[in-house]
PDB file of all heavy atoms in Angstrom:
ATOM      1  N   TYR A   1       8.357   1.523   5.841  1.00  0.00           N
ATOM      2  CA  TYR A   1       8.189   2.313   4.626  1.00  0.00           C
ATOM      3  C   TYR A   1       8.597   1.467   3.419  1.00  0.00           C
ATOM      4  O   TYR A   1       9.592   0.742   3.468  1.00  0.00           O
ATOM      5  CB  TYR A   1       9.065   3.571   4.660  1.00  0.00           C
ATOM      6  CG  TYR A   1       8.688   4.551   5.744  1.00  0.00           C
ATOM      7  CD1 TYR A   1       9.350   4.530   6.978  1.00  0.00           C
ATOM      8  CD2 TYR A   1       7.669   5.485   5.555  1.00  0.00           C
ATOM      9  CE1 TYR A   1       9.006   5.420   7.989  1.00  0.00           C
ATOM     10  CE2 TYR A   1       7.318   6.375   6.561  1.00  0.00           C
ATOM     11  CZ  TYR A   1       7.985   6.334   7.768  1.00  0.00           C
ATOM     12  OH  TYR A   1       7.639   7.208   8.771  1.00  0.00           O
ATOM     13  N   VAL A   2       7.803   1.591   2.367  1.00  0.00           N
ATOM     14  CA  VAL A   2       8.169   0.980   1.085  1.00  0.00           C
ATOM     15  C   VAL A   2       8.662   2.107   0.189  1.00  0.00           C
ATOM     16  O   VAL A   2       7.917   3.044  -0.120  1.00  0.00           O
ATOM     17  CB  VAL A   2       6.974   0.258   0.425  1.00  0.00           C
ATOM     18  CG1 VAL A   2       7.408  -0.369  -0.897  1.00  0.00           C
ATOM     19  CG2 VAL A   2       6.398  -0.797   1.350  1.00  0.00           C
ATOM     20  N   TYR A   3       9.916   2.022  -0.208  1.00  0.00           N
ATOM     21  CA  TYR A   3      10.512   3.035  -1.084  1.00  0.00           C
ATOM     22  C   TYR A   3      10.411   2.514  -2.514  1.00  0.00           C
ATOM     23  O   TYR A   3      11.092   1.560  -2.898  1.00  0.00           O
ATOM     24  CB  TYR A   3      11.968   3.280  -0.694  1.00  0.00           C
ATOM     25  CG  TYR A   3      12.625   4.426  -1.432  1.00  0.00           C
ATOM     26  CD1 TYR A   3      12.542   5.727  -0.944  1.00  0.00           C
ATOM     27  CD2 TYR A   3      13.343   4.214  -2.607  1.00  0.00           C
ATOM     28  CE1 TYR A   3      13.160   6.785  -1.605  1.00  0.00           C
ATOM     29  CE2 TYR A   3      13.952   5.258  -3.278  1.00  0.00           C
ATOM     30  CZ  TYR A   3      13.854   6.553  -2.772  1.00  0.00           C
ATOM     31  OH  TYR A   3      14.464   7.597  -3.437  1.00  0.00           O
ATOM     32  N   VAL A   4       9.541   3.144  -3.301  1.00  0.00           N
ATOM     33  CA  VAL A   4       9.230   2.617  -4.625  1.00  0.00           C
ATOM     34  C   VAL A   4       9.418   3.703  -5.675  1.00  0.00           C
ATOM     35  O   VAL A   4       9.204   4.893  -5.414  1.00  0.00           O
ATOM     36  CB  VAL A   4       7.786   2.053  -4.659  1.00  0.00           C
ATOM     37  CG1 VAL A   4       6.762   3.131  -4.354  1.00  0.00           C
ATOM     38  CG2 VAL A   4       7.459   1.376  -5.987  1.00  0.00           C
ATOM     39  N   ARG A   5       9.819   3.301  -6.854  1.00  0.00           N
ATOM     40  CA  ARG A   5      10.053   4.254  -7.946  1.00  0.00           C
ATOM     41  C   ARG A   5       8.742   4.925  -8.363  1.00  0.00           C
ATOM     42  O   ARG A   5       7.712   4.266  -8.542  1.00  0.00           O
ATOM     43  CB  ARG A   5      10.640   3.541  -9.159  1.00  0.00           C
ATOM     44  CG  ARG A   5      11.964   2.879  -8.898  1.00  0.00           C
ATOM     45  CD  ARG A   5      12.478   2.162 -10.138  1.00  0.00           C
ATOM     46  NE  ARG A   5      13.016   3.093 -11.117  1.00  0.00           N
ATOM     47  CZ  ARG A   5      14.232   3.622 -11.050  1.00  0.00           C
ATOM     48  NH1 ARG A   5      15.031   3.322 -10.045  1.00  0.00           N
ATOM     49  NH2 ARG A   5      14.648   4.449 -11.981  1.00  0.00           N
ATOM     50  N   ALA A   6       8.790   6.238  -8.556  1.00  0.00           N
ATOM     51  CA  ALA A   6       7.614   6.977  -9.022  1.00  0.00           C
ATOM     52  C   ALA A   6       7.224   6.557 -10.443  1.00  0.00           C
ATOM     53  O   ALA A   6       6.081   6.756 -10.859  1.00  0.00           O
ATOM     54  CB  ALA A   6       7.883   8.474  -8.973  1.00  0.00           C
ATOM     55  N   GLU A   7       8.180   5.944 -11.176  1.00  0.00           N
ATOM     56  CA  GLU A   7       7.883   5.476 -12.545  1.00  0.00           C
ATOM     57  C   GLU A   7       7.034   4.208 -12.542  1.00  0.00           C
ATOM     58  O   GLU A   7       6.706   3.687 -13.611  1.00  0.00           O
ATOM     59  CB  GLU A   7       9.179   5.199 -13.307  1.00  0.00           C
ATOM     60  CG  GLU A   7      10.045   6.417 -13.544  1.00  0.00           C
ATOM     61  CD  GLU A   7      11.118   6.593 -12.482  1.00  0.00           C
ATOM     62  OE1 GLU A   7      10.891   6.207 -11.315  1.00  0.00           O
ATOM     63  OE2 GLU A   7      12.189   7.113 -12.815  1.00  0.00           O
ATOM     64  N   TYR A   8       6.675   3.713 -11.367  1.00  0.00           N
ATOM     65  CA  TYR A   8       5.840   2.516 -11.250  1.00  0.00           C
ATOM     66  C   TYR A   8       4.438   2.892 -10.748  1.00  0.00           C
ATOM     67  O   TYR A   8       4.021   2.474  -9.664  1.00  0.00           O
ATOM     68  CB  TYR A   8       6.465   1.529 -10.259  1.00  0.00           C
ATOM     69  CG  TYR A   8       7.683   0.778 -10.749  1.00  0.00           C
ATOM     70  CD1 TYR A   8       8.370  -0.074  -9.888  1.00  0.00           C
ATOM     71  CD2 TYR A   8       8.146   0.897 -12.057  1.00  0.00           C
ATOM     72  CE1 TYR A   8       9.480  -0.791 -10.321  1.00  0.00           C
ATOM     73  CE2 TYR A   8       9.257   0.197 -12.487  1.00  0.00           C
ATOM     74  CZ  TYR A   8       9.924  -0.645 -11.617  1.00  0.00           C
ATOM     75  OH  TYR A   8      11.027  -1.349 -12.043  1.00  0.00           O
ATOM     76  N   PRO A   9       3.679   3.703 -11.478  1.00  0.00           N
ATOM     77  CA  PRO A   9       2.391   4.177 -10.948  1.00  0.00           C
ATOM     78  C   PRO A   9       1.396   3.063 -10.645  1.00  0.00           C
ATOM     79  O   PRO A   9       0.644   3.147  -9.671  1.00  0.00           O
ATOM     80  CB  PRO A   9       1.871   5.103 -12.053  1.00  0.00           C
ATOM     81  CG  PRO A   9       2.602   4.684 -13.297  1.00  0.00           C
ATOM     82  CD  PRO A   9       3.945   4.223 -12.831  1.00  0.00           C
ATOM     83  N   LEU A  10       1.391   2.010 -11.473  1.00  0.00           N
ATOM     84  CA  LEU A  10       0.454   0.918 -11.232  1.00  0.00           C
ATOM     85  C   LEU A  10       0.819   0.154  -9.958  1.00  0.00           C
ATOM     86  O   LEU A  10      -0.054  -0.178  -9.140  1.00  0.00           O
ATOM     87  CB  LEU A  10       0.439  -0.046 -12.427  1.00  0.00           C
ATOM     88  CG  LEU A  10      -0.541  -1.218 -12.355  1.00  0.00           C
ATOM     89  CD1 LEU A  10      -1.975  -0.710 -12.283  1.00  0.00           C
ATOM     90  CD2 LEU A  10      -0.360  -2.149 -13.553  1.00  0.00           C
ATOM     91  N   ALA A  11       2.115  -0.087  -9.759  1.00  0.00           N
ATOM     92  CA  ALA A  11       2.563  -0.770  -8.540  1.00  0.00           C
ATOM     93  C   ALA A  11       2.236   0.064  -7.309  1.00  0.00           C
ATOM     94  O   ALA A  11       1.784  -0.459  -6.289  1.00  0.00           O
ATOM     95  CB  ALA A  11       4.070  -1.051  -8.624  1.00  0.00           C
ATOM     96  N   VAL A  12       2.458   1.379  -7.406  1.00  0.00           N
ATOM     97  CA  VAL A  12       2.173   2.269  -6.279  1.00  0.00           C
ATOM     98  C   VAL A  12       0.685   2.259  -5.953  1.00  0.00           C
ATOM     99  O   VAL A  12       0.286   2.157  -4.782  1.00  0.00           O
ATOM    100  CB  VAL A  12       2.651   3.710  -6.594  1.00  0.00           C
ATOM    101  CG1 VAL A  12       2.158   4.685  -5.523  1.00  0.00           C
ATOM    102  CG2 VAL A  12       4.169   3.753  -6.687  1.00  0.00           C
ATOM    103  N   ALA A  13      -0.159   2.345  -6.979  1.00  0.00           N
ATOM    104  CA  ALA A  13      -1.610   2.378  -6.761  1.00  0.00           C
ATOM    105  C   ALA A  13      -2.104   1.090  -6.109  1.00  0.00           C
ATOM    106  O   ALA A  13      -2.915   1.125  -5.169  1.00  0.00           O
ATOM    107  CB  ALA A  13      -2.327   2.610  -8.089  1.00  0.00           C
ATOM    108  N   ARG A  14      -1.618  -0.055  -6.591  1.00  0.00           N
ATOM    109  CA  ARG A  14      -2.082  -1.333  -6.024  1.00  0.00           C
ATOM    110  C   ARG A  14      -1.529  -1.559  -4.625  1.00  0.00           C
ATOM    111  O   ARG A  14      -2.221  -2.105  -3.759  1.00  0.00           O
ATOM    112  CB  ARG A  14      -1.706  -2.480  -6.965  1.00  0.00           C
ATOM    113  CG  ARG A  14      -2.553  -2.461  -8.228  1.00  0.00           C
ATOM    114  CD  ARG A  14      -2.240  -3.604  -9.168  1.00  0.00           C
ATOM    115  NE  ARG A  14      -3.086  -3.524 -10.350  1.00  0.00           N
ATOM    116  CZ  ARG A  14      -2.898  -4.234 -11.464  1.00  0.00           C
ATOM    117  NH1 ARG A  14      -1.883  -5.096 -11.532  1.00  0.00           N
ATOM    118  NH2 ARG A  14      -3.721  -4.097 -12.487  1.00  0.00           N
ATOM    119  N   LEU A  15      -0.293  -1.137  -4.394  1.00  0.00           N
ATOM    120  CA  LEU A  15       0.271  -1.258  -3.058  1.00  0.00           C
ATOM    121  C   LEU A  15      -0.486  -0.368  -2.078  1.00  0.00           C
ATOM    122  O   LEU A  15      -0.798  -0.793  -0.955  1.00  0.00           O
ATOM    123  CB  LEU A  15       1.752  -0.877  -3.080  1.00  0.00           C
ATOM    124  CG  LEU A  15       2.475  -0.883  -1.729  1.00  0.00           C
ATOM    125  CD1 LEU A  15       2.460  -2.276  -1.105  1.00  0.00           C
ATOM    126  CD2 LEU A  15       3.906  -0.377  -1.867  1.00  0.00           C
ATOM    127  N   ARG A  16      -0.796   0.857  -2.496  1.00  0.00           N
ATOM    128  CA  ARG A  16      -1.542   1.767  -1.616  1.00  0.00           C
ATOM    129  C   ARG A  16      -2.915   1.189  -1.279  1.00  0.00           C
ATOM    130  O   ARG A  16      -3.366   1.249  -0.126  1.00  0.00           O
ATOM    131  CB  ARG A  16      -1.678   3.132  -2.294  1.00  0.00           C
ATOM    132  CG  ARG A  16      -2.363   4.176  -1.430  1.00  0.00           C
ATOM    133  CD  ARG A  16      -2.245   5.563  -2.037  1.00  0.00           C
ATOM    134  NE  ARG A  16      -0.925   6.131  -1.831  1.00  0.00           N
ATOM    135  CZ  ARG A  16      -0.166   6.626  -2.791  1.00  0.00           C
ATOM    136  NH1 ARG A  16      -0.583   6.590  -4.049  1.00  0.00           N
ATOM    137  NH2 ARG A  16       1.023   7.141  -2.523  1.00  0.00           N
ATOM    138  N   LYS A  17      -3.569   0.609  -2.270  1.00  0.00           N
ATOM    139  CA  LYS A  17      -4.885   0.009  -2.022  1.00  0.00           C
ATOM    140  C   LYS A  17      -4.766  -1.181  -1.077  1.00  0.00           C
ATOM    141  O   LYS A  17      -5.605  -1.376  -0.184  1.00  0.00           O
ATOM    142  CB  LYS A  17      -5.518  -0.420  -3.351  1.00  0.00           C
ATOM    143  CG  LYS A  17      -6.957  -0.886  -3.211  1.00  0.00           C
ATOM    144  CD  LYS A  17      -7.640  -0.987  -4.564  1.00  0.00           C
ATOM    145  CE  LYS A  17      -9.127  -1.255  -4.398  1.00  0.00           C
ATOM    146  NZ  LYS A  17      -9.841  -1.252  -5.701  1.00  0.00           N
ATOM    147  N   ALA A  18      -3.717  -1.984  -1.259  1.00  0.00           N
ATOM    148  CA  ALA A  18      -3.501  -3.148  -0.393  1.00  0.00           C
ATOM    149  C   ALA A  18      -3.247  -2.716   1.053  1.00  0.00           C
ATOM    150  O   ALA A  18      -3.749  -3.340   1.998  1.00  0.00           O
ATOM    151  CB  ALA A  18      -2.339  -3.987  -0.918  1.00  0.00           C
ATOM    152  N   ILE A  19      -2.462  -1.647   1.243  1.00  0.00           N
ATOM    153  CA  ILE A  19      -2.191  -1.138   2.588  1.00  0.00           C
ATOM    154  C   ILE A  19      -3.495  -0.663   3.238  1.00  0.00           C
ATOM    155  O   ILE A  19      -3.771  -0.965   4.413  1.00  0.00           O
ATOM    156  CB  ILE A  19      -1.145  -0.003   2.540  1.00  0.00           C
ATOM    157  CG1 ILE A  19       0.230  -0.581   2.199  1.00  0.00           C
ATOM    158  CG2 ILE A  19      -1.092   0.755   3.869  1.00  0.00           C
ATOM    159  CD1 ILE A  19       1.292   0.479   1.947  1.00  0.00           C
ATOM    160  N   ASP A  20      -4.328   0.047   2.475  1.00  0.00           N
ATOM    161  CA  ASP A  20      -5.613   0.518   3.005  1.00  0.00           C
ATOM    162  C   ASP A  20      -6.506  -0.653   3.408  1.00  0.00           C
ATOM    163  O   ASP A  20      -7.168  -0.613   4.458  1.00  0.00           O
ATOM    164  CB  ASP A  20      -6.329   1.380   1.955  1.00  0.00           C
ATOM    165  CG  ASP A  20      -5.653   2.726   1.749  1.00  0.00           C
ATOM    166  OD1 ASP A  20      -4.843   3.124   2.606  1.00  0.00           O
ATOM    167  OD2 ASP A  20      -5.931   3.365   0.713  1.00  0.00           O
ATOM    168  N   GLN A  21      -6.525  -1.695   2.581  1.00  0.00           N
ATOM    169  CA  GLN A  21      -7.342  -2.865   2.891  1.00  0.00           C
ATOM    170  C   GLN A  21      -6.825  -3.589   4.131  1.00  0.00           C
ATOM    171  O   GLN A  21      -7.611  -4.018   4.982  1.00  0.00           O
ATOM    172  CB  GLN A  21      -7.360  -3.819   1.690  1.00  0.00           C
ATOM    173  CG  GLN A  21      -8.136  -3.296   0.501  1.00  0.00           C
ATOM    174  CD  GLN A  21      -8.057  -4.231  -0.698  1.00  0.00           C
ATOM    175  OE1 GLN A  21      -7.159  -5.076  -0.782  1.00  0.00           O
ATOM    176  NE2 GLN A  21      -8.978  -4.089  -1.623  1.00  0.00           N
ATOM    177  N   ALA A  22      -5.500  -3.729   4.233  1.00  0.00           N
ATOM    178  CA  ALA A  22      -4.925  -4.399   5.398  1.00  0.00           C
ATOM    179  C   ALA A  22      -5.236  -3.622   6.681  1.00  0.00           C
ATOM    180  O   ALA A  22      -5.540  -4.223   7.721  1.00  0.00           O
ATOM    181  CB  ALA A  22      -3.408  -4.567   5.224  1.00  0.00           C
ATOM    182  N   ARG A  23      -5.188  -2.292   6.593  1.00  0.00           N
ATOM    183  CA  ARG A  23      -5.551  -1.463   7.754  1.00  0.00           C
ATOM    184  C   ARG A  23      -7.012  -1.679   8.131  1.00  0.00           C
ATOM    185  O   ARG A  23      -7.361  -1.832   9.306  1.00  0.00           O
ATOM    186  CB  ARG A  23      -5.331   0.018   7.439  1.00  0.00           C
ATOM    187  CG  ARG A  23      -3.916   0.492   7.614  1.00  0.00           C
ATOM    188  CD  ARG A  23      -3.873   2.008   7.772  1.00  0.00           C
ATOM    189  NE  ARG A  23      -2.529   2.500   7.503  1.00  0.00           N
ATOM    190  CZ  ARG A  23      -2.188   3.203   6.423  1.00  0.00           C
ATOM    191  NH1 ARG A  23      -3.091   3.484   5.512  1.00  0.00           N
ATOM    192  NH2 ARG A  23      -0.944   3.605   6.258  1.00  0.00           N
ATOM    193  N   ALA A  24      -7.878  -1.655   7.115  1.00  0.00           N
ATOM    194  CA  ALA A  24      -9.314  -1.803   7.373  1.00  0.00           C
ATOM    195  C   ALA A  24      -9.628  -3.146   8.025  1.00  0.00           C
ATOM    196  O   ALA A  24     -10.569  -3.256   8.825  1.00  0.00           O
ATOM    197  CB  ALA A  24     -10.097  -1.652   6.063  1.00  0.00           C
ATOM    198  N   CYS A  25      -8.847  -4.169   7.702  1.00  0.00           N
ATOM    199  CA  CYS A  25      -9.067  -5.508   8.260  1.00  0.00           C
ATOM    200  C   CYS A  25      -8.352  -5.704   9.601  1.00  0.00           C
ATOM    201  O   CYS A  25      -8.420  -6.794  10.179  1.00  0.00           O
ATOM    202  CB  CYS A  25      -8.602  -6.574   7.277  1.00  0.00           C
ATOM    203  SG  CYS A  25      -9.637  -6.709   5.821  1.00  0.00           S
ATOM    204  N   GLY A  26      -7.633  -4.689  10.050  1.00  0.00           N
ATOM    205  CA  GLY A  26      -6.911  -4.826  11.309  1.00  0.00           C
ATOM    206  C   GLY A  26      -5.624  -5.618  11.198  1.00  0.00           C
ATOM    207  O   GLY A  26      -5.071  -6.063  12.207  1.00  0.00           O
ATOM    208  N   LEU A  27      -5.119  -5.782   9.955  1.00  0.00           N
ATOM    209  CA  LEU A  27      -3.878  -6.522   9.743  1.00  0.00           C
ATOM    210  C   LEU A  27      -2.671  -5.590   9.665  1.00  0.00           C
ATOM    211  O   LEU A  27      -1.536  -6.029   9.571  1.00  0.00           O
ATOM    212  CB  LEU A  27      -3.999  -7.374   8.469  1.00  0.00           C
ATOM    213  CG  LEU A  27      -5.092  -8.452   8.572  1.00  0.00           C
ATOM    214  CD1 LEU A  27      -5.429  -9.003   7.200  1.00  0.00           C
ATOM    215  CD2 LEU A  27      -4.681  -9.563   9.520  1.00  0.00           C
ATOM    216  N   LEU A  28      -2.936  -4.304   9.719  1.00  0.00           N
ATOM    217  CA  LEU A  28      -1.955  -3.256   9.971  1.00  0.00           C
ATOM    218  C   LEU A  28      -2.583  -2.322  10.991  1.00  0.00           C
ATOM    219  O   LEU A  28      -3.808  -2.178  11.041  1.00  0.00           O
ATOM    220  CB  LEU A  28      -1.627  -2.475   8.694  1.00  0.00           C
ATOM    221  CG  LEU A  28      -0.716  -3.114   7.647  1.00  0.00           C
ATOM    222  CD1 LEU A  28      -0.593  -2.211   6.429  1.00  0.00           C
ATOM    223  CD2 LEU A  28       0.663  -3.433   8.201  1.00  0.00           C
ATOM    224  N   GLY A  29      -1.753  -1.706  11.803  1.00  0.00           N
ATOM    225  CA  GLY A  29      -2.278  -0.779  12.795  1.00  0.00           C
ATOM    226  C   GLY A  29      -1.990  -1.223  14.215  1.00  0.00           C
ATOM    227  O   GLY A  29      -0.999  -1.894  14.489  1.00  0.00           O
ATOM    228  N   LYS A  30      -2.881  -0.855  15.122  1.00  0.00           N
ATOM    229  CA  LYS A  30      -2.697  -1.134  16.545  1.00  0.00           C
ATOM    230  C   LYS A  30      -3.161  -2.542  16.906  1.00  0.00           C
ATOM    231  O   LYS A  30      -4.200  -3.002  16.451  1.00  0.00           O
ATOM    232  CB  LYS A  30      -3.484  -0.117  17.388  1.00  0.00           C
ATOM    233  CG  LYS A  30      -3.084   1.337  17.161  1.00  0.00           C
ATOM    234  CD  LYS A  30      -1.706   1.628  17.724  1.00  0.00           C
ATOM    235  CE  LYS A  30      -1.365   3.109  17.609  1.00  0.00           C
ATOM    236  NZ  LYS A  30      -0.008   3.425  18.072  1.00  0.00           N
TER     237      LYS A  30
END
């Protein structure tokens, strides 16, 4: 888990997108 400040909306959005991309590429997951 990444615990991030809610006051960092841009960081949260880019991190969420990066996590989704890593999952799609099989670099996160099973």
